[in-house]
Amino acid sequence: MSTGVPLASVKSQIFEAVLGFLPDWVQITVLALVVLALVASWVVKLARRIAHRRAVRNGAPVPAAVPPGQGRGADYLGPYAPAQAPPRPRPSGADFLGSYAPRQGRGDDSA
């Protein structure tokens, strides 16, 4: 009941075809290096995940965060950075009410 469809992907067939022309010792070495690279990437991911969890649990800064003193964004633009607008004082109280704010004057106290 074979359908004639190969079970391996095209990439793996190409990989096997390229390795098929090489001597056995080269094939074994290449396969070992591929497996070693895969295991090494897993170890690095696991180490980073563990370091991140420890940092979060201890309240320490996360290693992936920007180190203090390192600028970002416009800090690198130098003279080409857009001009910084001076900070405006934040309105408070009746300033938000606009025309609905109570009038402030001298004759308001007397009825």
C-alpha atoms as a PDB file:
ATOM      1  CA  MET A   1       0.000   0.000   0.000  1.00  0.00           C
ATOM      2  CA  SER A   2       2.792   2.375  -0.870  1.00  0.00           C
ATOM      3  CA  THR A   3       1.830   5.718  -2.354  1.00  0.00           C
ATOM      4  CA  GLY A   4       5.300   6.507  -3.600  1.00  0.00           C
ATOM      5  CA  VAL A   5       5.554   9.680  -1.519  1.00  0.00           C
ATOM      6  CA  PRO A   6       8.955  10.025   0.160  1.00  0.00           C
ATOM      7  CA  LEU A   7       8.832  10.476   3.918  1.00  0.00           C
ATOM      8  CA  ALA A   8      11.904  12.706   4.046  1.00  0.00           C
ATOM      9  CA  SER A   9      11.741  16.392   3.202  1.00  0.00           C
ATOM     10  CA  VAL A  10      13.508  17.903   0.222  1.00  0.00           C
ATOM     11  CA  LYS A  11      16.088  19.543   2.491  1.00  0.00           C
ATOM     12  CA  SER A  12      17.042  16.254   4.114  1.00  0.00           C
ATOM     13  CA  GLN A  13      17.257  14.552   0.709  1.00  0.00           C
ATOM     14  CA  ILE A  14      19.609  17.278  -0.550  1.00  0.00           C
ATOM     15  CA  PHE A  15      21.667  16.987   2.641  1.00  0.00           C
ATOM     16  CA  GLU A  16      21.942  13.206   2.203  1.00  0.00           C
ATOM     17  CA  ALA A  17      22.808  13.570  -1.484  1.00  0.00           C
ATOM     18  CA  VAL A  18      25.633  16.012  -0.725  1.00  0.00           C
ATOM     19  CA  LEU A  19      26.985  13.825   2.061  1.00  0.00           C
ATOM     20  CA  GLY A  20      26.699  10.726  -0.146  1.00  0.00           C
ATOM     21  CA  PHE A  21      29.609  11.888  -2.294  1.00  0.00           C
ATOM     22  CA  LEU A  22      31.920  12.354   0.663  1.00  0.00           C
ATOM     23  CA  PRO A  23      33.997   9.671   2.381  1.00  0.00           C
ATOM     24  CA  ASP A  24      32.550   8.019   5.485  1.00  0.00           C
ATOM     25  CA  TRP A  25      34.846   9.797   7.936  1.00  0.00           C
ATOM     26  CA  VAL A  26      33.800  13.202   6.529  1.00  0.00           C
ATOM     27  CA  GLN A  27      30.111  12.245   6.715  1.00  0.00           C
ATOM     28  CA  ILE A  28      30.460  11.210  10.344  1.00  0.00           C
ATOM     29  CA  THR A  29      32.388  14.395  11.171  1.00  0.00           C
ATOM     30  CA  VAL A  30      29.814  16.656   9.494  1.00  0.00           C
ATOM     31  CA  LEU A  31      26.911  14.916  11.192  1.00  0.00           C
ATOM     32  CA  ALA A  32      28.688  15.111  14.556  1.00  0.00           C
ATOM     33  CA  LEU A  33      29.289  18.851  14.075  1.00  0.00           C
ATOM     34  CA  VAL A  34      25.636  19.427  13.180  1.00  0.00           C
ATOM     35  CA  VAL A  35      24.495  17.540  16.269  1.00  0.00           C
ATOM     36  CA  LEU A  36      27.041  19.404  18.412  1.00  0.00           C
ATOM     37  CA  ALA A  37      25.805  22.769  17.105  1.00  0.00           C
ATOM     38  CA  LEU A  38      22.212  21.798  17.844  1.00  0.00           C
ATOM     39  CA  VAL A  39      23.021  20.672  21.395  1.00  0.00           C
ATOM     40  CA  ALA A  40      25.125  23.808  21.993  1.00  0.00           C
ATOM     41  CA  SER A  41      22.258  26.071  20.921  1.00  0.00           C
ATOM     42  CA  TRP A  42      19.934  24.234  23.330  1.00  0.00           C
ATOM     43  CA  VAL A  43      22.433  24.656  26.162  1.00  0.00           C
ATOM     44  CA  VAL A  44      22.805  28.393  25.471  1.00  0.00           C
ATOM     45  CA  LYS A  45      19.017  28.866  25.377  1.00  0.00           C
ATOM     46  CA  LEU A  46      18.616  26.936  28.612  1.00  0.00           C
ATOM     47  CA  ALA A  47      21.389  28.932  30.333  1.00  0.00           C
ATOM     48  CA  ARG A  48      19.803  32.239  29.269  1.00  0.00           C
ATOM     49  CA  ARG A  49      16.373  31.109  30.443  1.00  0.00           C
ATOM     50  CA  ILE A  50      17.775  30.070  33.833  1.00  0.00           C
ATOM     51  CA  ALA A  51      19.671  33.366  34.194  1.00  0.00           C
ATOM     52  CA  HIS A  52      16.521  35.315  33.332  1.00  0.00           C
ATOM     53  CA  ARG A  53      14.428  33.420  35.880  1.00  0.00           C
ATOM     54  CA  ARG A  54      17.036  33.903  38.604  1.00  0.00           C
ATOM     55  CA  ALA A  55      17.275  37.620  37.863  1.00  0.00           C
ATOM     56  CA  VAL A  56      13.510  38.038  37.978  1.00  0.00           C
ATOM     57  CA  ARG A  57      13.227  36.038  41.206  1.00  0.00           C
ATOM     58  CA  ASN A  58      16.021  37.983  42.940  1.00  0.00           C
ATOM     59  CA  GLY A  59      14.802  41.366  41.745  1.00  0.00           C
ATOM     60  CA  ALA A  60      18.051  41.992  39.894  1.00  0.00           C
ATOM     61  CA  PRO A  61      18.029  43.706  36.519  1.00  0.00           C
ATOM     62  CA  VAL A  62      17.441  41.319  33.642  1.00  0.00           C
ATOM     63  CA  PRO A  63      20.632  40.641  31.641  1.00  0.00           C
ATOM     64  CA  ALA A  64      18.898  41.600  28.385  1.00  0.00           C
ATOM     65  CA  ALA A  65      18.090  45.090  29.704  1.00  0.00           C
ATOM     66  CA  VAL A  66      20.024  48.147  28.557  1.00  0.00           C
ATOM     67  CA  PRO A  67      22.986  48.761  30.866  1.00  0.00           C
ATOM     68  CA  PRO A  68      22.926  52.041  32.812  1.00  0.00           C
ATOM     69  CA  GLY A  69      24.661  54.900  31.078  1.00  0.00           C
ATOM     70  CA  GLN A  70      24.113  53.481  27.620  1.00  0.00           C
ATOM     71  CA  GLY A  71      22.186  55.953  25.542  1.00  0.00           C
ATOM     72  CA  ARG A  72      19.317  55.154  23.235  1.00  0.00           C
ATOM     73  CA  GLY A  73      17.515  56.721  20.332  1.00  0.00           C
ATOM     74  CA  ALA A  74      18.345  60.389  19.867  1.00  0.00           C
ATOM     75  CA  ASP A  75      21.420  60.113  22.100  1.00  0.00           C
ATOM     76  CA  TYR A  76      23.296  58.629  19.143  1.00  0.00           C
ATOM     77  CA  LEU A  77      22.189  61.320  16.687  1.00  0.00           C
ATOM     78  CA  GLY A  78      24.349  64.020  18.231  1.00  0.00           C
ATOM     79  CA  PRO A  79      23.882  67.368  16.459  1.00  0.00           C
ATOM     80  CA  TYR A  80      21.282  65.779  14.165  1.00  0.00           C
ATOM     81  CA  ALA A  81      18.925  65.000  17.052  1.00  0.00           C
ATOM     82  CA  PRO A  82      15.652  66.941  17.106  1.00  0.00           C
ATOM     83  CA  ALA A  83      15.546  69.861  19.526  1.00  0.00           C
ATOM     84  CA  GLN A  84      14.108  69.045  22.930  1.00  0.00           C
ATOM     85  CA  ALA A  85      11.113  71.132  23.895  1.00  0.00           C
ATOM     86  CA  PRO A  86      11.338  72.612  27.394  1.00  0.00           C
ATOM     87  CA  PRO A  87       9.067  70.788  29.820  1.00  0.00           C
ATOM     88  CA  ARG A  88       5.764  72.556  30.348  1.00  0.00           C
ATOM     89  CA  PRO A  89       4.272  72.743  33.826  1.00  0.00           C
ATOM     90  CA  ARG A  90       1.397  70.319  34.201  1.00  0.00           C
ATOM     91  CA  PRO A  91      -1.975  71.963  34.745  1.00  0.00           C
ATOM     92  CA  SER A  92      -3.754  71.109  37.942  1.00  0.00           C
ATOM     93  CA  GLY A  93      -7.100  71.618  39.604  1.00  0.00           C
ATOM     94  CA  ALA A  94      -9.388  74.124  37.904  1.00  0.00           C
ATOM     95  CA  ASP A  95      -7.059  74.408  34.909  1.00  0.00           C
ATOM     96  CA  PHE A  96      -8.666  71.277  33.544  1.00  0.00           C
ATOM     97  CA  LEU A  97     -12.197  72.676  33.873  1.00  0.00           C
ATOM     98  CA  GLY A  98     -11.727  75.332  31.219  1.00  0.00           C
ATOM     99  CA  SER A  99     -14.810  77.551  30.910  1.00  0.00           C
ATOM    100  CA  TYR A 100     -16.555  75.564  33.671  1.00  0.00           C
ATOM    101  CA  ALA A 101     -14.006  76.646  36.293  1.00  0.00           C
ATOM    102  CA  PRO A 102     -15.324  78.900  39.055  1.00  0.00           C
ATOM    103  CA  ARG A 103     -14.509  82.568  38.532  1.00  0.00           C
ATOM    104  CA  GLN A 104     -11.812  83.998  40.667  1.00  0.00           C
ATOM    105  CA  GLY A 105     -12.476  87.583  41.583  1.00  0.00           C
ATOM    106  CA  ARG A 106     -12.997  89.996  44.424  1.00  0.00           C
ATOM    107  CA  GLY A 107     -16.773  90.278  44.451  1.00  0.00           C
ATOM    108  CA  ASP A 108     -17.513  86.551  44.747  1.00  0.00           C
ATOM    109  CA  ASP A 109     -17.500  86.403  48.587  1.00  0.00           C
ATOM    110  CA  SER A 110     -20.308  88.894  49.141  1.00  0.00           C
ATOM    111  CA  ALA A 111     -23.867  87.915  48.321  1.00  0.00           C
END
